[in-house]
C-alpha atoms as a PDB file:
ATOM      1  CA  MET A   1     -15.975 -19.378 -34.246  1.00  0.00           C
ATOM      2  CA  GLU A   2     -17.942 -17.503 -31.611  1.00  0.00           C
ATOM      3  CA  THR A   3     -16.556 -14.130 -30.530  1.00  0.00           C
ATOM      4  CA  THR A   4     -16.788 -13.014 -26.918  1.00  0.00           C
ATOM      5  CA  ASN A   5     -16.448  -9.342 -26.090  1.00  0.00           C
ATOM      6  CA  ARG A   6     -14.332  -8.812 -22.992  1.00  0.00           C
ATOM      7  CA  LEU A   7     -14.150  -5.657 -20.899  1.00  0.00           C
ATOM      8  CA  ASP A   8     -11.456  -4.521 -18.448  1.00  0.00           C
ATOM      9  CA  LEU A   9     -13.532  -3.844 -15.328  1.00  0.00           C
ATOM     10  CA  LEU A  10     -11.058  -1.275 -14.016  1.00  0.00           C
ATOM     11  CA  THR A  11     -10.719   0.886 -17.096  1.00  0.00           C
ATOM     12  CA  GLY A  12     -13.872   0.045 -19.030  1.00  0.00           C
ATOM     13  CA  SER A  13     -11.757  -0.576 -22.120  1.00  0.00           C
ATOM     14  CA  PRO A  14     -12.343  -3.557 -24.389  1.00  0.00           C
ATOM     15  CA  ILE A  15      -9.749  -6.303 -24.150  1.00  0.00           C
ATOM     16  CA  GLY A  16      -8.536  -7.810 -27.410  1.00  0.00           C
ATOM     17  CA  SER A  17      -8.831 -11.580 -27.777  1.00  0.00           C
ATOM     18  CA  ALA A  18      -5.045 -11.964 -27.869  1.00  0.00           C
ATOM     19  CA  ASP A  19      -4.804 -10.400 -24.413  1.00  0.00           C
ATOM     20  CA  ALA A  20      -7.837 -12.031 -22.846  1.00  0.00           C
ATOM     21  CA  GLY A  21      -7.566 -14.639 -20.215  1.00  0.00           C
ATOM     22  CA  GLY A  22      -3.830 -15.085 -19.724  1.00  0.00           C
ATOM     23  CA  CYS A  23      -2.338 -18.572 -19.583  1.00  0.00           C
ATOM     24  CA  CYS A  24      -5.303 -20.292 -17.985  1.00  0.00           C
ATOM     25  CA  GLY A  25      -8.089 -18.276 -19.586  1.00  0.00           C
ATOM     26  CA  GLY A  26      -7.373 -19.328 -23.134  1.00  0.00           C
ATOM     27  CA  GLY A  27      -5.669 -16.111 -24.191  1.00  0.00           C
ATOM     28  CA  SER A  28      -2.032 -15.416 -24.789  1.00  0.00           C
ATOM     29  CA  CYS A  29       0.478 -15.447 -21.968  1.00  0.00           C
ATOM     30  CA  MET A  30       2.736 -12.446 -21.498  1.00  0.00           C
ATOM     31  CA  CYS A  31       5.114 -14.350 -19.174  1.00  0.00           C
ATOM     32  CA  SER A  32       7.744 -15.195 -21.753  1.00  0.00           C
ATOM     33  CA  SER A  33       6.970 -12.866 -24.619  1.00  0.00           C
ATOM     34  CA  GLY A  34       9.578 -10.329 -23.587  1.00  0.00           C
ATOM     35  CA  ALA A  35       6.929  -7.595 -23.437  1.00  0.00           C
ATOM     36  CA  ALA A  36       6.229  -5.816 -20.214  1.00  0.00           C
ATOM     37  CA  ALA A  37       3.173  -7.537 -18.830  1.00  0.00           C
ATOM     38  CA  THR A  38       0.348  -5.471 -17.407  1.00  0.00           C
ATOM     39  CA  PRO A  39      -0.993  -6.885 -14.159  1.00  0.00           C
ATOM     40  CA  ALA A  40      -4.494  -8.296 -14.352  1.00  0.00           C
ATOM     41  CA  LEU A  41      -5.513  -6.173 -11.381  1.00  0.00           C
ATOM     42  CA  ASP A  42      -3.973  -2.870 -10.353  1.00  0.00           C
ATOM     43  CA  LEU A  43      -5.669  -1.271  -7.368  1.00  0.00           C
ATOM     44  CA  ALA A  44      -4.270   2.270  -7.278  1.00  0.00           C
ATOM     45  CA  GLY A  45      -0.768   1.088  -8.070  1.00  0.00           C
ATOM     46  CA  SER A  46      -0.775  -1.837  -5.649  1.00  0.00           C
ATOM     47  CA  ARG A  47       0.033  -4.277  -8.484  1.00  0.00           C
ATOM     48  CA  GLY A  48      -2.806  -6.547  -7.375  1.00  0.00           C
ATOM     49  CA  LEU A  49      -1.995  -6.578  -3.663  1.00  0.00           C
ATOM     50  CA  VAL A  50      -4.710  -5.693  -1.212  1.00  0.00           C
ATOM     51  CA  THR A  51      -3.553  -3.683   1.788  1.00  0.00           C
ATOM     52  CA  PRO A  52      -4.905  -4.868   5.143  1.00  0.00           C
ATOM     53  CA  ALA A  53      -7.067  -2.464   7.142  1.00  0.00           C
ATOM     54  CA  GLU A  54      -4.401  -2.304   9.873  1.00  0.00           C
ATOM     55  CA  PRO A  55      -0.710  -1.666   9.232  1.00  0.00           C
ATOM     56  CA  ALA A  56       1.430  -4.815   9.294  1.00  0.00           C
ATOM     57  CA  ALA A  57       3.377  -3.543  12.315  1.00  0.00           C
ATOM     58  CA  SER A  58       0.251  -3.381  14.456  1.00  0.00           C
ATOM     59  CA  LEU A  59      -0.829  -6.838  13.295  1.00  0.00           C
ATOM     60  CA  ALA A  60       2.559  -8.298  14.200  1.00  0.00           C
ATOM     61  CA  ALA A  61       2.480  -6.589  17.590  1.00  0.00           C
ATOM     62  CA  ALA A  62      -0.957  -8.063  18.329  1.00  0.00           C
ATOM     63  CA  ALA A  63       0.077 -11.667  17.608  1.00  0.00           C
ATOM     64  CA  LEU A  64       2.272 -13.687  19.937  1.00  0.00           C
ATOM     65  CA  THR A  65       3.571 -17.096  18.886  1.00  0.00           C
ATOM     66  CA  THR A  66       4.717 -19.805  21.266  1.00  0.00           C
ATOM     67  CA  GLU A  67       6.248 -23.095  20.136  1.00  0.00           C
ATOM     68  CA  PHE A  68       5.874 -26.432  21.852  1.00  0.00           C
ATOM     69  CA  LEU A  69       7.376 -29.797  20.946  1.00  0.00           C
ATOM     70  CA  VAL A  70       5.021 -32.777  21.124  1.00  0.00           C
ATOM     71  CA  THR A  71       6.090 -36.421  20.991  1.00  0.00           C
ATOM     72  CA  GLY A  72       4.170 -39.491  19.879  1.00  0.00           C
ATOM     73  CA  MET A  73       2.382 -38.041  16.855  1.00  0.00           C
ATOM     74  CA  THR A  74       2.509 -40.172  13.699  1.00  0.00           C
ATOM     75  CA  CYS A  75      -0.280 -39.092  11.321  1.00  0.00           C
ATOM     76  CA  GLY A  76      -2.830 -36.512  10.243  1.00  0.00           C
ATOM     77  CA  HIS A  77      -5.326 -37.753  12.826  1.00  0.00           C
ATOM     78  CA  CYS A  78      -2.741 -37.022  15.545  1.00  0.00           C
ATOM     79  CA  VAL A  79      -2.321 -33.506  14.134  1.00  0.00           C
ATOM     80  CA  SER A  80      -6.101 -32.984  14.119  1.00  0.00           C
ATOM     81  CA  SER A  81      -6.479 -34.187  17.702  1.00  0.00           C
ATOM     82  CA  VAL A  82      -3.715 -31.952  19.054  1.00  0.00           C
ATOM     83  CA  SER A  83      -4.904 -28.965  16.996  1.00  0.00           C
ATOM     84  CA  GLU A  84      -8.459 -29.352  18.274  1.00  0.00           C
ATOM     85  CA  GLU A  85      -7.502 -29.733  21.954  1.00  0.00           C
ATOM     86  CA  VAL A  86      -4.883 -26.953  21.980  1.00  0.00           C
ATOM     87  CA  GLY A  87      -7.173 -24.703  19.938  1.00  0.00           C
ATOM     88  CA  ALA A  88      -9.759 -24.957  22.725  1.00  0.00           C
ATOM     89  CA  VAL A  89      -7.349 -23.508  25.326  1.00  0.00           C
ATOM     90  CA  SER A  90      -8.407 -20.060  26.527  1.00  0.00           C
ATOM     91  CA  GLY A  91      -6.687 -17.279  24.585  1.00  0.00           C
ATOM     92  CA  VAL A  92      -5.469 -19.453  21.696  1.00  0.00           C
ATOM     93  CA  ASP A  93      -6.271 -17.858  18.322  1.00  0.00           C
ATOM     94  CA  ALA A  94      -4.581 -20.395  16.007  1.00  0.00           C
ATOM     95  CA  VAL A  95      -2.622 -23.644  16.111  1.00  0.00           C
ATOM     96  CA  GLU A  96      -0.170 -24.891  13.485  1.00  0.00           C
ATOM     97  CA  VAL A  97       1.367 -28.353  13.716  1.00  0.00           C
ATOM     98  CA  VAL A  98       4.395 -29.532  11.751  1.00  0.00           C
ATOM     99  CA  LEU A  99       4.372 -33.320  12.011  1.00  0.00           C
ATOM    100  CA  LYS A 100       7.664 -35.124  12.500  1.00  0.00           C
ATOM    101  CA  LYS A 101       6.959 -38.847  12.547  1.00  0.00           C
ATOM    102  CA  GLY A 102       9.010 -40.639  15.169  1.00  0.00           C
ATOM    103  CA  GLY A 103      10.282 -37.368  16.644  1.00  0.00           C
ATOM    104  CA  ALA A 104       9.107 -34.192  18.288  1.00  0.00           C
ATOM    105  CA  SER A 105       6.466 -32.387  16.222  1.00  0.00           C
ATOM    106  CA  ARG A 106       6.436 -28.579  16.374  1.00  0.00           C
ATOM    107  CA  VAL A 107       3.181 -27.034  17.598  1.00  0.00           C
ATOM    108  CA  THR A 108       2.984 -23.257  17.139  1.00  0.00           C
ATOM    109  CA  VAL A 109       0.304 -21.442  19.104  1.00  0.00           C
ATOM    110  CA  THR A 110      -0.746 -17.918  18.105  1.00  0.00           C
ATOM    111  CA  SER A 111      -2.444 -15.719  20.685  1.00  0.00           C
ATOM    112  CA  ALA A 112      -2.910 -12.073  21.637  1.00  0.00           C
ATOM    113  CA  ALA A 113      -1.387 -12.662  25.098  1.00  0.00           C
ATOM    114  CA  PRO A 114       0.823 -15.374  26.606  1.00  0.00           C
ATOM    115  CA  VAL A 115      -1.029 -18.684  26.948  1.00  0.00           C
ATOM    116  CA  ASP A 116      -0.917 -20.848  30.058  1.00  0.00           C
ATOM    117  CA  ALA A 117       1.715 -23.518  29.341  1.00  0.00           C
ATOM    118  CA  ASP A 118       0.095 -25.870  31.869  1.00  0.00           C
ATOM    119  CA  ALA A 119      -3.219 -25.568  30.009  1.00  0.00           C
ATOM    120  CA  VAL A 120      -1.449 -26.385  26.719  1.00  0.00           C
ATOM    121  CA  ARG A 121       0.272 -29.375  28.394  1.00  0.00           C
ATOM    122  CA  ALA A 122      -3.109 -30.611  29.689  1.00  0.00           C
ATOM    123  CA  ALA A 123      -4.663 -30.213  26.226  1.00  0.00           C
ATOM    124  CA  VAL A 124      -1.830 -32.153  24.557  1.00  0.00           C
ATOM    125  CA  GLU A 125      -2.174 -34.921  27.152  1.00  0.00           C
ATOM    126  CA  GLU A 126      -5.965 -34.956  26.668  1.00  0.00           C
ATOM    127  CA  ALA A 127      -5.267 -35.627  22.969  1.00  0.00           C
ATOM    128  CA  GLY A 128      -3.055 -38.567  24.009  1.00  0.00           C
ATOM    129  CA  TYR A 129       0.437 -37.097  23.542  1.00  0.00           C
ATOM    130  CA  GLN A 130       3.234 -35.544  25.595  1.00  0.00           C
ATOM    131  CA  LEU A 131       5.171 -32.288  25.514  1.00  0.00           C
ATOM    132  CA  ALA A 132       8.860 -32.957  24.893  1.00  0.00           C
END
């Protein structure tokens, strides 16, 4: 059996074969052993979470979401068409569509400032659908 030496990149300490790799890496899993599991990555106590450069409050304040209901959509191609057309509207940063076949699908537009509802309506109609 070939032995592979493993090294914890954060501490520089060798990792024993029983601890290496976790569930998917071929090593042992600490999930159900009853022992306190050490996170695979601990960035200054963050428990593996990376903090964004800006505080969450400022990110939330910068993003505005507006929801529209669109009728006539029945498939993924419909979703792609509406997403592409609405995404091209001035000021739109992101578009998320939740398809509801046979009903009104929810289209959520994210932007830094309010978007022109008439421009969104025109984009939806250009894609071949209607605002509810």
